């Protein structure tokens, strides 16, 4: 199986320094070698970088880094869609706001192929807040709500090509 590694050195969603070092640390720890030893072909697609920051302002003034997370989500969604073409994409983050983009991108691919998309979400928190309901303002708590098509993300995050049921 072809495994395609994609780095997403995001830390804006958590409001904590250091998350952006995750992809480099996992690469340095030998992830590609371990996958090769398991019999997989490995392709490293490098790192995603966000585009220009969109001029987004939300009524919830407590949101942290909304333009940054919006730009990251769009860039990661495009990279996830591309990486999922005839390969098993492996995303290296970063804080878990990357999930908004990874889920959006692979959901688009699954929809085009007419295949179901199954998500196993393992986290201490459901990350099902919306931009209106988050109390902390940290956008690493919203990716699952966004990917499931909850209201309130239009105009702030990229439109979803396919929501997860």
C-alpha atoms as a PDB file:
ATOM      1  CA  UNK A   1       0.000   0.000   0.000  1.00  0.00           C
ATOM      2  CA  UNK A   2       1.214   3.483  -0.822  1.00  0.00           C
ATOM      3  CA  UNK A   3       1.293   5.684   2.281  1.00  0.00           C
ATOM      4  CA  UNK A   4       1.512   9.394   1.587  1.00  0.00           C
ATOM      5  CA  UNK A   5       2.835  11.486   4.488  1.00  0.00           C
ATOM      6  CA  UNK A   6       1.667  15.091   4.743  1.00  0.00           C
ATOM      7  CA  UNK A   7       2.964  17.484   7.390  1.00  0.00           C
ATOM      8  CA  UNK A   8       0.644  20.116   8.829  1.00  0.00           C
ATOM      9  CA  UNK A   9       2.690  22.146  11.330  1.00  0.00           C
ATOM     10  CA  UNK A  10      -0.262  24.016  12.827  1.00  0.00           C
ATOM     11  CA  UNK A  11      -0.298  25.495  16.305  1.00  0.00           C
ATOM     12  CA  UNK A  12      -2.774  28.356  15.907  1.00  0.00           C
ATOM     13  CA  UNK A  13      -5.794  26.258  16.896  1.00  0.00           C
ATOM     14  CA  UNK A  14      -4.471  25.362  20.336  1.00  0.00           C
ATOM     15  CA  UNK A  15      -2.908  28.620  21.404  1.00  0.00           C
ATOM     16  CA  UNK A  16       0.164  26.697  22.556  1.00  0.00           C
ATOM     17  CA  UNK A  17       3.671  26.930  21.227  1.00  0.00           C
ATOM     18  CA  UNK A  18       5.432  23.789  20.047  1.00  0.00           C
ATOM     19  CA  UNK A  19       2.672  21.888  18.243  1.00  0.00           C
ATOM     20  CA  UNK A  20       4.199  22.930  14.943  1.00  0.00           C
ATOM     21  CA  UNK A  21       7.228  20.746  15.693  1.00  0.00           C
ATOM     22  CA  UNK A  22       5.149  17.548  15.553  1.00  0.00           C
ATOM     23  CA  UNK A  23       5.683  16.694  11.872  1.00  0.00           C
ATOM     24  CA  UNK A  24       9.447  17.165  12.104  1.00  0.00           C
ATOM     25  CA  UNK A  25       9.654  15.120  15.295  1.00  0.00           C
ATOM     26  CA  UNK A  26       7.688  12.223  13.798  1.00  0.00           C
ATOM     27  CA  UNK A  27       9.819  12.257  10.676  1.00  0.00           C
ATOM     28  CA  UNK A  28      13.026  12.372  12.734  1.00  0.00           C
ATOM     29  CA  UNK A  29      11.737   9.472  14.844  1.00  0.00           C
ATOM     30  CA  UNK A  30      11.675   7.317  11.712  1.00  0.00           C
ATOM     31  CA  UNK A  31       8.014   7.105  10.738  1.00  0.00           C
ATOM     32  CA  UNK A  32       8.759   6.549   7.040  1.00  0.00           C
ATOM     33  CA  UNK A  33      11.309   3.848   7.831  1.00  0.00           C
ATOM     34  CA  UNK A  34       8.870   2.072  10.163  1.00  0.00           C
ATOM     35  CA  UNK A  35       6.179   2.075   7.471  1.00  0.00           C
ATOM     36  CA  UNK A  36       8.661   0.757   4.910  1.00  0.00           C
ATOM     37  CA  UNK A  37       9.697  -2.011   7.308  1.00  0.00           C
ATOM     38  CA  UNK A  38       6.016  -2.996   7.496  1.00  0.00           C
ATOM     39  CA  UNK A  39       6.025  -3.460   3.731  1.00  0.00           C
ATOM     40  CA  UNK A  40       4.462  -0.188   2.646  1.00  0.00           C
ATOM     41  CA  UNK A  41       5.657   2.138  -0.061  1.00  0.00           C
ATOM     42  CA  UNK A  42       6.121   5.618   1.413  1.00  0.00           C
ATOM     43  CA  UNK A  43       5.940   8.978  -0.284  1.00  0.00           C
ATOM     44  CA  UNK A  44       6.564  12.149   1.701  1.00  0.00           C
ATOM     45  CA  UNK A  45       4.514  15.012   0.288  1.00  0.00           C
ATOM     46  CA  UNK A  46       6.255  17.600   2.454  1.00  0.00           C
ATOM     47  CA  UNK A  47       4.485  20.214   4.523  1.00  0.00           C
ATOM     48  CA  UNK A  48       1.312  22.162   3.932  1.00  0.00           C
ATOM     49  CA  UNK A  49       1.494  25.944   4.233  1.00  0.00           C
ATOM     50  CA  UNK A  50      -1.499  28.242   4.590  1.00  0.00           C
ATOM     51  CA  UNK A  51      -2.369  30.782   1.950  1.00  0.00           C
ATOM     52  CA  UNK A  52      -3.136  34.437   2.616  1.00  0.00           C
ATOM     53  CA  UNK A  53      -5.189  35.093   5.722  1.00  0.00           C
ATOM     54  CA  UNK A  54      -8.842  35.746   4.911  1.00  0.00           C
ATOM     55  CA  UNK A  55     -10.366  38.899   6.397  1.00  0.00           C
ATOM     56  CA  UNK A  56     -12.825  37.041   8.644  1.00  0.00           C
ATOM     57  CA  UNK A  57     -14.383  38.588  11.729  1.00  0.00           C
ATOM     58  CA  UNK A  58     -16.915  36.772  13.892  1.00  0.00           C
ATOM     59  CA  UNK A  59     -19.438  38.042  16.436  1.00  0.00           C
ATOM     60  CA  UNK A  60     -17.724  35.878  19.047  1.00  0.00           C
ATOM     61  CA  UNK A  61     -14.774  38.139  19.781  1.00  0.00           C
ATOM     62  CA  UNK A  62     -13.284  35.465  22.032  1.00  0.00           C
ATOM     63  CA  UNK A  63     -12.206  33.323  19.080  1.00  0.00           C
ATOM     64  CA  UNK A  64      -8.454  32.923  18.849  1.00  0.00           C
ATOM     65  CA  UNK A  65      -6.648  33.034  15.494  1.00  0.00           C
ATOM     66  CA  UNK A  66      -9.759  32.608  13.312  1.00  0.00           C
ATOM     67  CA  UNK A  67      -8.077  33.922  10.117  1.00  0.00           C
ATOM     68  CA  UNK A  68      -5.068  31.651  10.659  1.00  0.00           C
ATOM     69  CA  UNK A  69      -7.111  28.507  11.345  1.00  0.00           C
ATOM     70  CA  UNK A  70      -9.392  29.302   8.412  1.00  0.00           C
ATOM     71  CA  UNK A  71      -6.389  29.578   6.073  1.00  0.00           C
ATOM     72  CA  UNK A  72      -4.846  26.384   7.464  1.00  0.00           C
ATOM     73  CA  UNK A  73      -8.146  24.511   7.095  1.00  0.00           C
ATOM     74  CA  UNK A  74      -8.443  25.463   3.439  1.00  0.00           C
ATOM     75  CA  UNK A  75      -4.830  24.520   2.678  1.00  0.00           C
ATOM     76  CA  UNK A  76      -5.030  21.219   4.568  1.00  0.00           C
ATOM     77  CA  UNK A  77      -8.341  20.294   2.901  1.00  0.00           C
ATOM     78  CA  UNK A  78      -6.761  20.747  -0.533  1.00  0.00           C
ATOM     79  CA  UNK A  79      -3.685  18.763   0.511  1.00  0.00           C
ATOM     80  CA  UNK A  80      -5.827  15.994   2.030  1.00  0.00           C
ATOM     81  CA  UNK A  81      -7.854  15.674  -1.140  1.00  0.00           C
ATOM     82  CA  UNK A  82      -4.691  15.453  -3.253  1.00  0.00           C
ATOM     83  CA  UNK A  83      -2.926  13.084  -0.849  1.00  0.00           C
ATOM     84  CA  UNK A  84      -5.867  10.679  -0.768  1.00  0.00           C
ATOM     85  CA  UNK A  85      -5.630   9.990  -4.505  1.00  0.00           C
ATOM     86  CA  UNK A  86      -4.684   6.321  -4.798  1.00  0.00           C
ATOM     87  CA  UNK A  87      -2.897   6.352  -1.437  1.00  0.00           C
ATOM     88  CA  UNK A  88      -3.447   6.121   2.295  1.00  0.00           C
ATOM     89  CA  UNK A  89      -2.792   9.659   3.523  1.00  0.00           C
ATOM     90  CA  UNK A  90      -1.038  10.032   6.860  1.00  0.00           C
ATOM     91  CA  UNK A  91      -1.279  13.521   8.329  1.00  0.00           C
ATOM     92  CA  UNK A  92       1.254  14.759  10.852  1.00  0.00           C
ATOM     93  CA  UNK A  93       0.214  17.673  13.052  1.00  0.00           C
ATOM     94  CA  UNK A  94       0.271  20.111  14.671  1.00  0.00           C
ATOM     95  CA  UNK A  95      -2.634  20.757  16.958  1.00  0.00           C
ATOM     96  CA  UNK A  96      -5.827  18.914  16.278  1.00  0.00           C
ATOM     97  CA  UNK A  97      -7.462  21.774  14.402  1.00  0.00           C
ATOM     98  CA  UNK A  98      -5.863  19.994  11.411  1.00  0.00           C
ATOM     99  CA  UNK A  99      -8.807  17.590  11.558  1.00  0.00           C
ATOM    100  CA  UNK A 100     -11.124  20.187  10.047  1.00  0.00           C
ATOM    101  CA  UNK A 101      -9.053  20.174   6.875  1.00  0.00           C
ATOM    102  CA  UNK A 102      -8.134  16.496   6.783  1.00  0.00           C
ATOM    103  CA  UNK A 103     -11.728  15.352   7.241  1.00  0.00           C
ATOM    104  CA  UNK A 104     -13.007  17.838   4.672  1.00  0.00           C
ATOM    105  CA  UNK A 105     -10.465  16.745   2.074  1.00  0.00           C
ATOM    106  CA  UNK A 106     -10.926  13.003   2.478  1.00  0.00           C
ATOM    107  CA  UNK A 107     -14.730  13.412   2.637  1.00  0.00           C
ATOM    108  CA  UNK A 108     -14.571  15.102  -0.753  1.00  0.00           C
ATOM    109  CA  UNK A 109     -12.539  12.198  -2.148  1.00  0.00           C
ATOM    110  CA  UNK A 110     -14.935   9.602  -0.667  1.00  0.00           C
ATOM    111  CA  UNK A 111     -17.953  11.427  -2.088  1.00  0.00           C
ATOM    112  CA  UNK A 112     -16.405  11.525  -5.579  1.00  0.00           C
ATOM    113  CA  UNK A 113     -15.671   7.806  -5.390  1.00  0.00           C
ATOM    114  CA  UNK A 114     -19.156   7.030  -4.093  1.00  0.00           C
ATOM    115  CA  UNK A 115     -17.655   5.422  -1.012  1.00  0.00           C
ATOM    116  CA  UNK A 116     -18.644   5.802   2.629  1.00  0.00           C
ATOM    117  CA  UNK A 117     -16.238   7.537   4.963  1.00  0.00           C
ATOM    118  CA  UNK A 118     -15.840   6.135   8.442  1.00  0.00           C
ATOM    119  CA  UNK A 119     -14.198   8.220  11.148  1.00  0.00           C
ATOM    120  CA  UNK A 120     -12.989   6.830  14.452  1.00  0.00           C
ATOM    121  CA  UNK A 121     -12.587   9.858  16.707  1.00  0.00           C
ATOM    122  CA  UNK A 122     -10.323   9.193  19.694  1.00  0.00           C
ATOM    123  CA  UNK A 123      -9.928  12.264  21.833  1.00  0.00           C
ATOM    124  CA  UNK A 124     -10.471  13.290  25.427  1.00  0.00           C
ATOM    125  CA  UNK A 125     -13.023  15.806  24.128  1.00  0.00           C
ATOM    126  CA  UNK A 126     -15.564  15.584  21.319  1.00  0.00           C
ATOM    127  CA  UNK A 127     -14.330  18.769  19.558  1.00  0.00           C
ATOM    128  CA  UNK A 128     -17.936  19.449  18.625  1.00  0.00           C
ATOM    129  CA  UNK A 129     -18.078  23.139  19.519  1.00  0.00           C
ATOM    130  CA  UNK A 130     -19.088  25.688  16.927  1.00  0.00           C
ATOM    131  CA  UNK A 131     -17.700  29.180  16.556  1.00  0.00           C
ATOM    132  CA  UNK A 132     -20.666  30.358  18.630  1.00  0.00           C
ATOM    133  CA  UNK A 133     -20.417  27.802  21.444  1.00  0.00           C
ATOM    134  CA  UNK A 134     -16.695  27.609  22.171  1.00  0.00           C
ATOM    135  CA  UNK A 135     -15.907  29.047  25.577  1.00  0.00           C
ATOM    136  CA  UNK A 136     -12.122  28.823  25.366  1.00  0.00           C
ATOM    137  CA  UNK A 137     -11.970  30.386  21.900  1.00  0.00           C
ATOM    138  CA  UNK A 138      -9.365  27.810  20.889  1.00  0.00           C
ATOM    139  CA  UNK A 139     -10.385  26.475  17.506  1.00  0.00           C
ATOM    140  CA  UNK A 140      -8.916  23.023  18.063  1.00  0.00           C
ATOM    141  CA  UNK A 141     -12.271  22.339  19.727  1.00  0.00           C
ATOM    142  CA  UNK A 142     -14.395  22.778  16.577  1.00  0.00           C
ATOM    143  CA  UNK A 143     -13.182  20.399  13.831  1.00  0.00           C
ATOM    144  CA  UNK A 144     -15.704  17.612  14.303  1.00  0.00           C
ATOM    145  CA  UNK A 145     -18.665  19.997  14.389  1.00  0.00           C
ATOM    146  CA  UNK A 146     -17.400  21.584  11.179  1.00  0.00           C
ATOM    147  CA  UNK A 147     -16.783  18.237   9.454  1.00  0.00           C
ATOM    148  CA  UNK A 148     -20.262  17.031  10.429  1.00  0.00           C
ATOM    149  CA  UNK A 149     -21.824  20.084   8.800  1.00  0.00           C
ATOM    150  CA  UNK A 150     -22.982  21.952  11.891  1.00  0.00           C
ATOM    151  CA  UNK A 151     -24.243  25.473  11.248  1.00  0.00           C
ATOM    152  CA  UNK A 152     -22.159  28.574  11.749  1.00  0.00           C
ATOM    153  CA  UNK A 153     -19.004  27.827   9.751  1.00  0.00           C
ATOM    154  CA  UNK A 154     -20.074  29.172   6.343  1.00  0.00           C
ATOM    155  CA  UNK A 155     -17.992  32.203   5.437  1.00  0.00           C
ATOM    156  CA  UNK A 156     -15.402  31.408   8.094  1.00  0.00           C
ATOM    157  CA  UNK A 157     -14.160  27.968   7.054  1.00  0.00           C
ATOM    158  CA  UNK A 158     -14.183  26.582   3.499  1.00  0.00           C
ATOM    159  CA  UNK A 159     -17.535  25.188   2.397  1.00  0.00           C
ATOM    160  CA  UNK A 160     -17.723  21.433   2.944  1.00  0.00           C
ATOM    161  CA  UNK A 161     -17.967  19.351  -0.216  1.00  0.00           C
ATOM    162  CA  UNK A 162     -19.461  16.520   1.859  1.00  0.00           C
ATOM    163  CA  UNK A 163     -20.388  16.421   5.533  1.00  0.00           C
ATOM    164  CA  UNK A 164     -19.635  13.387   7.656  1.00  0.00           C
ATOM    165  CA  UNK A 165     -22.717  11.600   8.965  1.00  0.00           C
END
